[in-house]
Structure formats: structure tokens, C-alpha cells
Amino acid sequence: MNAAAQFEQTERELVSRDERRIRDAIASLHRAHYTKDAAAAAAQYTSDAAIFNLAPPLEHRGVSVEEKRAWMETWETPIEILPRGLKITVCGDFAYAHSFLQLNGTKKGSEGEVRFWMRETLCFERIRGSWRIVHEHTSVPFYMDGTHRPAFDLRP
């Protein structure tokens, strides 16, 4: 094998290994939600991660274990997050992943069963050898017909 081909092979193996580690980090995050382990969920993020999620305000910085735990305690059942169409791009010490997520479970109280699809983009940085989430953006489209209703009925 010539030097150029060997370099390309090595690069593919490194990206493949990084992609596996990122997939594992995402799976750990989803597992932490399922088991309602707020500390394990927060551990996937940097302390100053920019988080644009469904809950107000427009931006959160980092994940508060106490706030995450309080939210998880509003669920009667495990919080199931199922990804579809996960794509990961790695470039050096940075990576991004995007997918559709189905959120399933039953909330305590009158809200009851929850089941809807949303969009998610995660940005990762390799810090001291570990991939950590530095930015998260989740969203649900809304109907632009004047009602501003969230489009919870959409499916990928």
C-alpha cells in the first residue's frame, strides 16, 4: 500500500473510531433519560454548553443537574428517546450530529402520554480525549397558518 492510501485508511479508521465514541455518548445521554439519571445526562455536556431546547428561555448555559432532575421527576414512566436518521460528521476535534428524535413516555398528572417527533443537532468538542456536547439545538416545527400550533403530528 502506498503512503497516500495508507494515510487515507488511517484517517478513515480514526474518523470511524471517533464516530463510534460520539454514537456512544449520544446513547449514554438517551440511556440517562430513560433511567432518569440527571447527573449522567449532564455529564455529557460542557459546563458552558449553549443549549437551545424546547423549554424557555431562548438559551440555557450548561445543564443544571437539579433542574434536569426536577424535570425528570415530572414523568411517571421512563423517558424514551428514539433517534432516526442519525448523521455524524467529524473534523479534527469537532463534530456535529443531527437526527430526528421521537420522545415517548407518560407525564404525571393530566398531561398523560407524550409521543412526538422533534429535530436535534448536537455539536461536540474533543476535550482531553473525550467527546463532550458544547451545543444542543432541539426544535419542533410549528404551523405557520396564524395559529402557531406546534406540529406534533409530523413524522419523518
N, C-alpha and C. Protein backbone atom coordinates (compact mmCIF):
# COMPACT_ATOMS: atom_id res chain seq x y z
N MET A 1 0.85 -1.17 0.00
CA MET A 1 0.00 0.00 0.00
C MET A 1 0.90 1.23 0.00
N ASN A 2 0.61 2.17 -0.89
CA ASN A 2 1.44 3.38 -0.93
C ASN A 2 1.09 4.30 0.24
N ALA A 3 1.93 5.31 0.46
CA ALA A 3 1.80 6.19 1.62
C ALA A 3 0.46 6.93 1.62
N ALA A 4 0.02 7.41 0.45
CA ALA A 4 -1.24 8.15 0.38
C ALA A 4 -2.42 7.25 0.74
N ALA A 5 -2.44 6.04 0.22
CA ALA A 5 -3.53 5.11 0.52
C ALA A 5 -3.51 4.72 2.00
N GLN A 6 -2.32 4.54 2.55
CA GLN A 6 -2.20 4.19 3.97
C GLN A 6 -2.71 5.34 4.85
N PHE A 7 -2.37 6.58 4.47
CA PHE A 7 -2.84 7.75 5.21
C PHE A 7 -4.37 7.81 5.18
N GLU A 8 -4.96 7.61 4.00
CA GLU A 8 -6.42 7.65 3.87
C GLU A 8 -7.08 6.56 4.72
N GLN A 9 -6.49 5.37 4.74
CA GLN A 9 -7.03 4.27 5.54
C GLN A 9 -6.98 4.62 7.03
N THR A 10 -5.85 5.17 7.48
CA THR A 10 -5.69 5.55 8.87
C THR A 10 -6.70 6.63 9.24
N GLU A 11 -6.87 7.61 8.36
CA GLU A 11 -7.82 8.69 8.61
C GLU A 11 -9.25 8.15 8.73
N ARG A 12 -9.64 7.21 7.84
CA ARG A 12 -10.97 6.60 7.91
C ARG A 12 -11.16 5.85 9.22
N GLU A 13 -10.14 5.14 9.67
CA GLU A 13 -10.23 4.39 10.92
C GLU A 13 -10.40 5.33 12.11
N LEU A 14 -9.66 6.46 12.10
CA LEU A 14 -9.77 7.42 13.20
C LEU A 14 -11.16 8.05 13.23
N VAL A 15 -11.67 8.45 12.06
CA VAL A 15 -13.00 9.06 12.00
C VAL A 15 -14.03 8.03 12.43
N SER A 16 -13.87 6.79 12.00
CA SER A 16 -14.80 5.73 12.38
C SER A 16 -14.78 5.52 13.90
N ARG A 17 -13.61 5.54 14.51
CA ARG A 17 -13.49 5.37 15.96
C ARG A 17 -14.14 6.58 16.66
N ASP A 18 -13.88 7.79 16.16
CA ASP A 18 -14.49 8.98 16.75
C ASP A 18 -16.01 8.94 16.60
N GLU A 19 -16.49 8.52 15.45
CA GLU A 19 -17.93 8.43 15.24
C GLU A 19 -18.54 7.44 16.22
N ARG A 20 -17.88 6.32 16.46
CA ARG A 20 -18.37 5.32 17.42
C ARG A 20 -18.44 5.93 18.82
N ARG A 21 -17.43 6.68 19.20
CA ARG A 21 -17.42 7.31 20.53
C ARG A 21 -18.54 8.35 20.66
N ILE A 22 -18.80 9.07 19.59
CA ILE A 22 -19.89 10.06 19.61
C ILE A 22 -21.23 9.35 19.69
N ARG A 23 -21.40 8.28 18.92
CA ARG A 23 -22.63 7.48 19.00
C ARG A 23 -22.83 6.94 20.41
N ASP A 24 -21.75 6.50 21.03
CA ASP A 24 -21.82 6.00 22.41
C ASP A 24 -22.23 7.12 23.37
N ALA A 25 -21.70 8.33 23.17
CA ALA A 25 -22.07 9.46 24.02
C ALA A 25 -23.55 9.79 23.88
N ILE A 26 -24.05 9.76 22.66
CA ILE A 26 -25.47 10.03 22.42
C ILE A 26 -26.33 8.93 23.05
N ALA A 27 -25.90 7.68 22.90
CA ALA A 27 -26.64 6.57 23.52
C ALA A 27 -26.64 6.70 25.04
N SER A 28 -25.52 7.14 25.62
CA SER A 28 -25.45 7.35 27.07
C SER A 28 -26.43 8.43 27.51
N LEU A 29 -26.53 9.48 26.71
CA LEU A 29 -27.46 10.57 27.01
C LEU A 29 -28.90 10.05 26.99
N HIS A 30 -29.24 9.26 25.98
CA HIS A 30 -30.59 8.72 25.88
C HIS A 30 -30.86 7.73 27.01
N ARG A 31 -29.86 6.92 27.35
CA ARG A 31 -30.00 5.97 28.45
C ARG A 31 -30.22 6.70 29.78
N ALA A 32 -29.51 7.82 29.98
CA ALA A 32 -29.66 8.61 31.20
C ALA A 32 -31.08 9.16 31.31
N HIS A 33 -31.68 9.55 30.19
CA HIS A 33 -33.07 10.00 30.23
C HIS A 33 -34.00 8.83 30.57
N TYR A 34 -33.75 7.69 29.96
CA TYR A 34 -34.60 6.52 30.20
C TYR A 34 -34.59 6.13 31.68
N THR A 35 -33.42 6.17 32.30
CA THR A 35 -33.29 5.79 33.71
C THR A 35 -33.49 6.97 34.66
N LYS A 36 -33.73 8.14 34.09
CA LYS A 36 -33.94 9.38 34.85
C LYS A 36 -32.74 9.69 35.74
N ASP A 37 -31.56 9.58 35.16
CA ASP A 37 -30.30 9.86 35.86
C ASP A 37 -29.80 11.23 35.40
N ALA A 38 -30.20 12.27 36.12
CA ALA A 38 -29.89 13.64 35.74
C ALA A 38 -28.39 13.90 35.70
N ALA A 39 -27.64 13.36 36.64
CA ALA A 39 -26.20 13.58 36.68
C ALA A 39 -25.52 12.95 35.47
N ALA A 40 -25.96 11.77 35.07
CA ALA A 40 -25.37 11.11 33.89
C ALA A 40 -25.70 11.88 32.62
N ALA A 41 -26.90 12.44 32.55
CA ALA A 41 -27.27 13.26 31.37
C ALA A 41 -26.40 14.50 31.32
N ALA A 42 -26.27 15.19 32.44
CA ALA A 42 -25.48 16.43 32.49
C ALA A 42 -24.01 16.19 32.19
N ALA A 43 -23.51 15.01 32.52
CA ALA A 43 -22.09 14.70 32.33
C ALA A 43 -21.68 14.69 30.87
N GLN A 44 -22.63 14.61 29.95
CA GLN A 44 -22.30 14.59 28.51
C GLN A 44 -21.99 15.99 27.97
N TYR A 45 -22.29 17.03 28.75
CA TYR A 45 -22.17 18.41 28.30
C TYR A 45 -20.99 19.12 28.98
N THR A 46 -20.46 20.13 28.31
CA THR A 46 -19.52 21.02 28.98
C THR A 46 -20.32 21.93 29.91
N SER A 47 -19.66 22.51 30.89
CA SER A 47 -20.36 23.33 31.87
C SER A 47 -20.96 24.59 31.26
N ASP A 48 -20.42 25.03 30.13
CA ASP A 48 -20.94 26.25 29.48
C ASP A 48 -21.60 25.97 28.13
N ALA A 49 -22.03 24.73 27.91
CA ALA A 49 -22.66 24.37 26.64
C ALA A 49 -23.83 25.29 26.34
N ALA A 50 -23.93 25.73 25.10
CA ALA A 50 -25.06 26.55 24.65
C ALA A 50 -26.19 25.61 24.27
N ILE A 51 -27.30 25.71 24.99
CA ILE A 51 -28.41 24.78 24.78
C ILE A 51 -29.64 25.57 24.35
N PHE A 52 -30.09 25.26 23.15
CA PHE A 52 -31.32 25.85 22.60
C PHE A 52 -32.33 24.72 22.54
N ASN A 53 -33.08 24.50 23.62
CA ASN A 53 -34.03 23.40 23.62
C ASN A 53 -35.46 23.91 23.64
N LEU A 54 -36.38 23.00 23.87
CA LEU A 54 -37.79 23.35 23.76
C LEU A 54 -38.28 24.24 24.89
N ALA A 55 -37.64 24.17 26.05
CA ALA A 55 -38.10 24.93 27.22
C ALA A 55 -37.52 26.34 27.23
N PRO A 56 -38.31 27.33 27.65
CA PRO A 56 -37.76 28.68 27.81
C PRO A 56 -36.66 28.68 28.86
N PRO A 57 -35.77 29.65 28.81
CA PRO A 57 -35.67 30.78 27.89
C PRO A 57 -35.09 30.35 26.54
N LEU A 58 -34.73 31.31 25.73
CA LEU A 58 -34.20 31.01 24.41
C LEU A 58 -32.88 30.24 24.48
N GLU A 59 -32.09 30.49 25.51
CA GLU A 59 -30.80 29.82 25.65
C GLU A 59 -30.56 29.44 27.11
N HIS A 60 -30.03 28.25 27.28
CA HIS A 60 -29.54 27.79 28.58
C HIS A 60 -28.03 27.65 28.44
N ARG A 61 -27.30 27.82 29.53
CA ARG A 61 -25.85 27.59 29.52
C ARG A 61 -25.56 26.44 30.47
N GLY A 62 -25.06 25.35 29.90
CA GLY A 62 -24.79 24.16 30.70
C GLY A 62 -26.09 23.50 31.12
N VAL A 63 -25.94 22.36 31.79
CA VAL A 63 -27.10 21.61 32.27
C VAL A 63 -27.07 21.63 33.79
N SER A 64 -28.12 22.16 34.37
CA SER A 64 -28.27 22.13 35.82
C SER A 64 -28.80 20.75 36.21
N VAL A 65 -28.03 20.03 37.01
CA VAL A 65 -28.46 18.70 37.44
C VAL A 65 -29.78 18.81 38.21
N GLU A 66 -29.91 19.83 39.05
CA GLU A 66 -31.13 19.99 39.84
C GLU A 66 -32.35 20.26 38.94
N GLU A 67 -32.19 21.14 37.94
CA GLU A 67 -33.30 21.40 37.02
C GLU A 67 -33.64 20.17 36.19
N LYS A 68 -32.62 19.47 35.72
CA LYS A 68 -32.83 18.25 34.93
C LYS A 68 -33.56 17.20 35.78
N ARG A 69 -33.13 17.03 37.02
CA ARG A 69 -33.76 16.06 37.93
C ARG A 69 -35.23 16.44 38.17
N ALA A 70 -35.49 17.72 38.40
CA ALA A 70 -36.86 18.18 38.64
C ALA A 70 -37.74 17.88 37.42
N TRP A 71 -37.22 18.10 36.22
CA TRP A 71 -37.98 17.81 35.01
C TRP A 71 -38.22 16.31 34.88
N MET A 72 -37.19 15.51 35.14
CA MET A 72 -37.33 14.05 35.02
C MET A 72 -38.37 13.52 36.01
N GLU A 73 -38.48 14.15 37.16
CA GLU A 73 -39.44 13.71 38.17
C GLU A 73 -40.89 14.00 37.79
N THR A 74 -41.11 14.77 36.71
CA THR A 74 -42.47 15.02 36.23
C THR A 74 -42.97 13.88 35.35
N TRP A 75 -42.14 12.88 35.12
CA TRP A 75 -42.50 11.74 34.28
C TRP A 75 -42.86 10.55 35.15
N GLU A 76 -43.97 9.91 34.81
CA GLU A 76 -44.39 8.69 35.50
C GLU A 76 -43.60 7.49 35.01
N THR A 77 -43.30 7.47 33.72
CA THR A 77 -42.60 6.34 33.09
C THR A 77 -41.18 6.75 32.72
N PRO A 78 -40.38 5.78 32.29
CA PRO A 78 -39.08 6.17 31.71
C PRO A 78 -39.29 7.13 30.54
N ILE A 79 -38.29 7.97 30.29
CA ILE A 79 -38.33 8.92 29.19
C ILE A 79 -37.57 8.27 28.04
N GLU A 80 -38.32 7.86 27.04
CA GLU A 80 -37.73 7.14 25.92
C GLU A 80 -37.44 8.10 24.78
N ILE A 81 -36.19 8.12 24.33
CA ILE A 81 -35.78 8.96 23.20
C ILE A 81 -35.23 8.04 22.12
N LEU A 82 -35.89 8.03 20.98
CA LEU A 82 -35.51 7.14 19.88
C LEU A 82 -35.03 7.96 18.69
N PRO A 83 -33.75 7.85 18.33
CA PRO A 83 -33.25 8.61 17.18
C PRO A 83 -33.57 7.92 15.86
N ARG A 84 -33.70 8.72 14.84
CA ARG A 84 -33.85 8.20 13.48
C ARG A 84 -33.03 9.07 12.54
N GLY A 85 -32.29 8.41 11.64
CA GLY A 85 -31.52 9.12 10.63
C GLY A 85 -30.32 9.86 11.19
N LEU A 86 -29.69 9.31 12.22
CA LEU A 86 -28.54 9.96 12.84
C LEU A 86 -27.38 10.07 11.85
N LYS A 87 -26.90 11.26 11.66
CA LYS A 87 -25.73 11.54 10.80
C LYS A 87 -24.69 12.24 11.65
N ILE A 88 -23.45 11.80 11.54
CA ILE A 88 -22.36 12.39 12.31
C ILE A 88 -21.25 12.78 11.36
N THR A 89 -20.74 13.99 11.54
CA THR A 89 -19.60 14.48 10.76
C THR A 89 -18.51 14.86 11.75
N VAL A 90 -17.31 14.31 11.52
CA VAL A 90 -16.17 14.57 12.39
C VAL A 90 -15.12 15.32 11.60
N CYS A 91 -14.57 16.38 12.20
CA CYS A 91 -13.49 17.14 11.58
C CYS A 91 -12.52 17.54 12.70
N GLY A 92 -11.45 16.77 12.83
CA GLY A 92 -10.47 17.06 13.88
C GLY A 92 -11.07 16.88 15.25
N ASP A 93 -11.00 17.92 16.07
CA ASP A 93 -11.52 17.86 17.44
C ASP A 93 -12.95 18.37 17.56
N PHE A 94 -13.63 18.53 16.43
CA PHE A 94 -15.02 18.99 16.44
C PHE A 94 -15.87 18.03 15.62
N ALA A 95 -17.12 17.92 16.01
CA ALA A 95 -18.06 17.05 15.29
C ALA A 95 -19.46 17.59 15.50
N TYR A 96 -20.33 17.25 14.56
CA TYR A 96 -21.73 17.55 14.77
C TYR A 96 -22.56 16.34 14.37
N ALA A 97 -23.69 16.23 15.01
CA ALA A 97 -24.61 15.14 14.75
C ALA A 97 -26.00 15.73 14.63
N HIS A 98 -26.80 15.17 13.72
CA HIS A 98 -28.18 15.62 13.63
C HIS A 98 -29.07 14.42 13.33
N SER A 99 -30.29 14.51 13.84
CA SER A 99 -31.25 13.42 13.65
C SER A 99 -32.63 13.92 14.02
N PHE A 100 -33.59 13.04 13.78
CA PHE A 100 -34.93 13.22 14.31
C PHE A 100 -34.98 12.40 15.58
N LEU A 101 -35.71 12.87 16.57
CA LEU A 101 -35.88 12.14 17.83
C LEU A 101 -37.36 11.98 18.11
N GLN A 102 -37.74 10.78 18.50
CA GLN A 102 -39.10 10.58 18.99
C GLN A 102 -39.03 10.52 20.50
N LEU A 103 -39.80 11.37 21.15
CA LEU A 103 -39.87 11.42 22.61
C LEU A 103 -41.15 10.71 23.03
N ASN A 104 -41.00 9.71 23.90
CA ASN A 104 -42.14 8.90 24.35
C ASN A 104 -42.12 8.78 25.86
N GLY A 105 -43.29 8.74 26.45
CA GLY A 105 -43.42 8.49 27.87
C GLY A 105 -44.76 8.99 28.36
N THR A 106 -44.95 8.86 29.66
CA THR A 106 -46.19 9.33 30.28
C THR A 106 -45.83 10.29 31.39
N LYS A 107 -46.38 11.48 31.30
CA LYS A 107 -46.16 12.51 32.32
C LYS A 107 -47.10 12.26 33.49
N LYS A 108 -46.71 12.69 34.65
CA LYS A 108 -47.58 12.64 35.82
C LYS A 108 -48.67 13.70 35.63
N GLY A 109 -49.81 13.47 36.23
CA GLY A 109 -50.87 14.47 36.15
C GLY A 109 -51.69 14.36 34.89
N SER A 110 -52.32 15.47 34.53
CA SER A 110 -53.30 15.47 33.44
C SER A 110 -52.67 15.41 32.05
N GLU A 111 -51.38 15.72 31.92
CA GLU A 111 -50.77 15.73 30.58
C GLU A 111 -50.76 14.34 29.96
N GLY A 112 -50.53 13.32 30.77
CA GLY A 112 -50.61 11.94 30.29
C GLY A 112 -49.54 11.56 29.30
N GLU A 113 -49.94 10.76 28.30
CA GLU A 113 -48.99 10.20 27.34
C GLU A 113 -48.42 11.29 26.43
N VAL A 114 -47.11 11.20 26.21
CA VAL A 114 -46.40 12.11 25.33
C VAL A 114 -45.74 11.27 24.25
N ARG A 115 -45.93 11.68 23.00
CA ARG A 115 -45.29 10.99 21.88
C ARG A 115 -45.24 11.96 20.71
N PHE A 116 -44.03 12.43 20.38
CA PHE A 116 -43.90 13.32 19.24
C PHE A 116 -42.47 13.26 18.71
N TRP A 117 -42.32 13.76 17.50
CA TRP A 117 -41.01 13.84 16.84
C TRP A 117 -40.48 15.26 16.92
N MET A 118 -39.19 15.37 17.06
CA MET A 118 -38.54 16.68 17.03
C MET A 118 -37.23 16.55 16.26
N ARG A 119 -36.58 17.68 16.06
CA ARG A 119 -35.29 17.71 15.36
C ARG A 119 -34.21 18.04 16.38
N GLU A 120 -33.02 17.48 16.16
CA GLU A 120 -31.92 17.77 17.09
C GLU A 120 -30.60 17.87 16.33
N THR A 121 -29.81 18.84 16.73
CA THR A 121 -28.43 18.97 16.28
C THR A 121 -27.57 19.09 17.53
N LEU A 122 -26.52 18.29 17.58
CA LEU A 122 -25.55 18.33 18.68
C LEU A 122 -24.19 18.65 18.11
N CYS A 123 -23.48 19.57 18.75
CA CYS A 123 -22.10 19.88 18.38
C CYS A 123 -21.20 19.38 19.51
N PHE A 124 -20.14 18.70 19.13
CA PHE A 124 -19.22 18.09 20.08
C PHE A 124 -17.83 18.70 19.93
N GLU A 125 -17.10 18.70 21.03
CA GLU A 125 -15.69 19.05 21.01
C GLU A 125 -14.95 17.95 21.78
N ARG A 126 -13.81 17.53 21.23
CA ARG A 126 -12.98 16.57 21.93
C ARG A 126 -12.16 17.35 22.96
N ILE A 127 -12.39 17.04 24.22
CA ILE A 127 -11.71 17.73 25.32
C ILE A 127 -11.00 16.68 26.16
N ARG A 128 -9.70 16.80 26.23
CA ARG A 128 -8.88 15.84 26.97
C ARG A 128 -9.25 14.39 26.62
N GLY A 129 -9.45 14.15 25.32
CA GLY A 129 -9.70 12.81 24.83
C GLY A 129 -11.14 12.34 24.85
N SER A 130 -12.06 13.13 25.40
CA SER A 130 -13.48 12.74 25.46
C SER A 130 -14.33 13.70 24.63
N TRP A 131 -15.32 13.16 23.97
CA TRP A 131 -16.25 13.97 23.20
C TRP A 131 -17.34 14.50 24.13
N ARG A 132 -17.48 15.82 24.19
CA ARG A 132 -18.46 16.48 25.06
C ARG A 132 -19.35 17.38 24.21
N ILE A 133 -20.59 17.49 24.60
CA ILE A 133 -21.54 18.34 23.88
C ILE A 133 -21.30 19.79 24.29
N VAL A 134 -21.05 20.64 23.27
CA VAL A 134 -20.84 22.07 23.52
C VAL A 134 -22.02 22.90 23.03
N HIS A 135 -22.89 22.28 22.23
CA HIS A 135 -24.08 22.98 21.74
C HIS A 135 -25.15 21.95 21.41
N GLU A 136 -26.37 22.26 21.82
CA GLU A 136 -27.53 21.41 21.51
C GLU A 136 -28.64 22.32 21.00
N HIS A 137 -29.27 21.88 19.93
CA HIS A 137 -30.42 22.62 19.42
C HIS A 137 -31.52 21.61 19.11
N THR A 138 -32.62 21.71 19.83
CA THR A 138 -33.79 20.88 19.54
C THR A 138 -34.94 21.79 19.15
N SER A 139 -35.79 21.29 18.28
CA SER A 139 -36.93 22.11 17.86
C SER A 139 -38.06 21.23 17.35
N VAL A 140 -39.24 21.80 17.40
CA VAL A 140 -40.44 21.22 16.81
C VAL A 140 -40.96 22.27 15.85
N PRO A 141 -41.23 21.91 14.60
CA PRO A 141 -41.80 22.89 13.68
C PRO A 141 -43.18 23.35 14.17
N PHE A 142 -43.59 24.51 13.72
CA PHE A 142 -44.93 24.97 14.07
C PHE A 142 -45.66 25.36 12.80
N TYR A 143 -46.97 25.29 12.87
CA TYR A 143 -47.79 25.63 11.72
C TYR A 143 -47.79 27.14 11.52
N MET A 144 -47.49 27.55 10.33
CA MET A 144 -47.39 28.97 10.01
C MET A 144 -48.69 29.46 9.37
N ASP A 145 -49.79 29.00 9.95
CA ASP A 145 -51.12 29.36 9.44
C ASP A 145 -51.82 30.38 10.33
N GLY A 146 -51.03 31.02 11.21
CA GLY A 146 -51.59 32.01 12.11
C GLY A 146 -51.93 31.46 13.49
N THR A 147 -51.98 30.12 13.60
CA THR A 147 -52.32 29.53 14.90
C THR A 147 -51.08 29.34 15.77
N HIS A 148 -49.91 29.22 15.15
CA HIS A 148 -48.64 28.99 15.83
C HIS A 148 -48.65 27.70 16.66
N ARG A 149 -49.50 26.75 16.26
CA ARG A 149 -49.55 25.46 16.94
C ARG A 149 -48.29 24.66 16.63
N PRO A 150 -47.72 23.97 17.64
CA PRO A 150 -46.59 23.09 17.35
C PRO A 150 -47.08 21.92 16.49
N ALA A 151 -46.25 21.50 15.57
CA ALA A 151 -46.62 20.43 14.63
C ALA A 151 -46.21 19.07 15.20
N PHE A 152 -46.85 18.70 16.30
CA PHE A 152 -46.54 17.42 16.96
C PHE A 152 -47.00 16.21 16.16
N ASP A 153 -47.76 16.41 15.12
CA ASP A 153 -48.26 15.29 14.35
C ASP A 153 -47.34 14.90 13.18
N LEU A 154 -46.24 15.60 12.98
CA LEU A 154 -45.33 15.28 11.88
C LEU A 154 -44.49 14.05 12.21
N ARG A 155 -44.13 13.31 11.16
CA ARG A 155 -43.29 12.12 11.29
C ARG A 155 -42.25 12.13 10.19
N PRO A 156 -41.05 11.62 10.50
CA PRO A 156 -40.02 11.59 9.43
C PRO A 156 -40.35 10.56 8.37
